[in-house]
Amino acid sequence: MRRRGDNPAARSKKSMSPQLRTPAATMNRRGLQLIAKRPMGIAVNQARAFPLAALSLGAVGLWAITALARRRGPAKTVLQATQRRR
């Protein structure tokens, strides 16, 4: 009969934890290397798979850009920025 709170899976996980760190780090590093090779393709596939999320993210990005532009005020042209006030 098992004692209360005695979980063999948790005990084995704790004992194996140091041994699993290296393979896990290697897998994470390799995954990032694969993503770095084709980030645009992954972004396009992600947008195709989740169109509502992509649309929402685009709308939030557009809103953030317009909010920042409003806070900064109207943009000056190059000519206006280089002219001195008299």
Protein backbone atom coordinates (compact mmCIF):
# COMPACT_ATOMS: atom_id res chain seq x y z
CA MET A 1 0.00 0.00 0.00
CA ARG A 2 1.35 3.40 -1.00
CA ARG A 3 1.69 6.14 1.51
CA ARG A 4 -0.26 9.31 1.00
CA GLY A 5 1.75 11.84 -0.99
CA ASP A 6 4.09 9.17 -2.32
CA ASN A 7 4.24 9.60 -6.08
CA PRO A 8 6.76 7.36 -7.83
CA ALA A 9 6.55 9.39 -11.06
CA ALA A 10 7.43 12.59 -9.21
CA ARG A 11 10.32 10.89 -7.43
CA SER A 12 11.76 9.51 -10.65
CA LYS A 13 11.35 12.90 -12.34
CA LYS A 14 13.29 14.57 -9.55
CA SER A 15 16.05 12.00 -9.69
CA MET A 16 16.33 12.20 -13.51
CA SER A 17 16.17 16.01 -13.68
CA PRO A 18 19.94 16.66 -13.83
CA GLN A 19 20.36 14.03 -16.54
CA LEU A 20 17.58 15.53 -18.68
CA ARG A 21 18.86 19.11 -18.67
CA THR A 22 21.57 18.59 -21.30
CA PRO A 23 19.37 16.83 -23.90
CA ALA A 24 16.60 19.38 -23.34
CA ALA A 25 19.01 22.28 -23.85
CA THR A 26 20.35 20.63 -27.00
CA MET A 27 16.82 20.18 -28.38
CA ASN A 28 15.92 23.81 -27.64
CA ARG A 29 19.10 25.08 -29.29
CA ARG A 30 18.49 22.94 -32.38
CA GLY A 31 14.89 24.14 -32.60
CA LEU A 32 16.03 27.77 -32.54
CA GLN A 33 18.63 27.04 -35.22
CA LEU A 34 15.94 25.57 -37.48
CA ILE A 35 13.61 28.52 -36.90
CA ALA A 36 16.41 31.00 -37.66
CA LYS A 37 16.88 29.50 -41.13
CA ARG A 38 13.40 30.41 -42.38
CA PRO A 39 11.55 32.84 -40.10
CA MET A 40 9.42 34.36 -42.88
CA GLY A 41 8.11 30.98 -43.99
CA ILE A 42 7.20 30.10 -40.44
CA ALA A 43 5.43 33.45 -39.97
CA VAL A 44 3.41 32.93 -43.17
CA ASN A 45 2.43 29.40 -42.17
CA GLN A 46 1.43 30.63 -38.73
CA ALA A 47 -0.74 33.36 -40.26
CA ARG A 48 -2.40 30.83 -42.56
CA ALA A 49 -3.05 28.43 -39.71
CA PHE A 50 -4.48 31.08 -37.37
CA PRO A 51 -5.92 33.86 -39.56
CA LEU A 52 -8.00 35.45 -36.79
CA ALA A 53 -5.01 35.67 -34.47
CA ALA A 54 -2.85 37.12 -37.26
CA LEU A 55 -5.50 39.69 -38.11
CA SER A 56 -5.89 40.63 -34.44
CA LEU A 57 -2.15 40.97 -33.99
CA GLY A 58 -1.92 43.15 -37.10
CA ALA A 59 -4.75 45.36 -35.86
CA VAL A 60 -3.10 45.78 -32.45
CA GLY A 61 0.20 46.64 -34.14
CA LEU A 62 -1.45 49.22 -36.37
CA TRP A 63 -3.27 50.71 -33.39
CA ALA A 64 0.00 50.96 -31.44
CA ILE A 65 1.79 52.68 -34.33
CA THR A 66 -1.01 55.23 -34.78
CA ALA A 67 -1.20 55.87 -31.02
CA LEU A 68 2.53 56.59 -30.90
CA ALA A 69 2.30 58.83 -33.95
CA ARG A 70 -0.54 60.85 -32.40
CA ARG A 71 1.34 61.30 -29.17
CA ARG A 72 4.43 62.63 -30.96
CA GLY A 73 2.43 65.17 -32.93
CA PRO A 74 2.55 65.93 -36.63
CA ALA A 75 5.69 64.87 -38.40
CA LYS A 76 7.99 67.55 -39.75
CA THR A 77 9.27 67.41 -43.26
CA VAL A 78 13.01 67.47 -43.86
CA LEU A 79 12.72 71.07 -45.06
CA GLN A 80 10.89 72.17 -41.93
CA ALA A 81 13.36 70.42 -39.67
CA THR A 82 16.38 72.08 -41.31
CA GLN A 83 15.02 75.64 -41.41
CA ARG A 84 15.88 77.95 -38.55
CA ARG A 85 13.36 80.09 -36.78
CA ARG A 86 13.86 83.78 -37.37
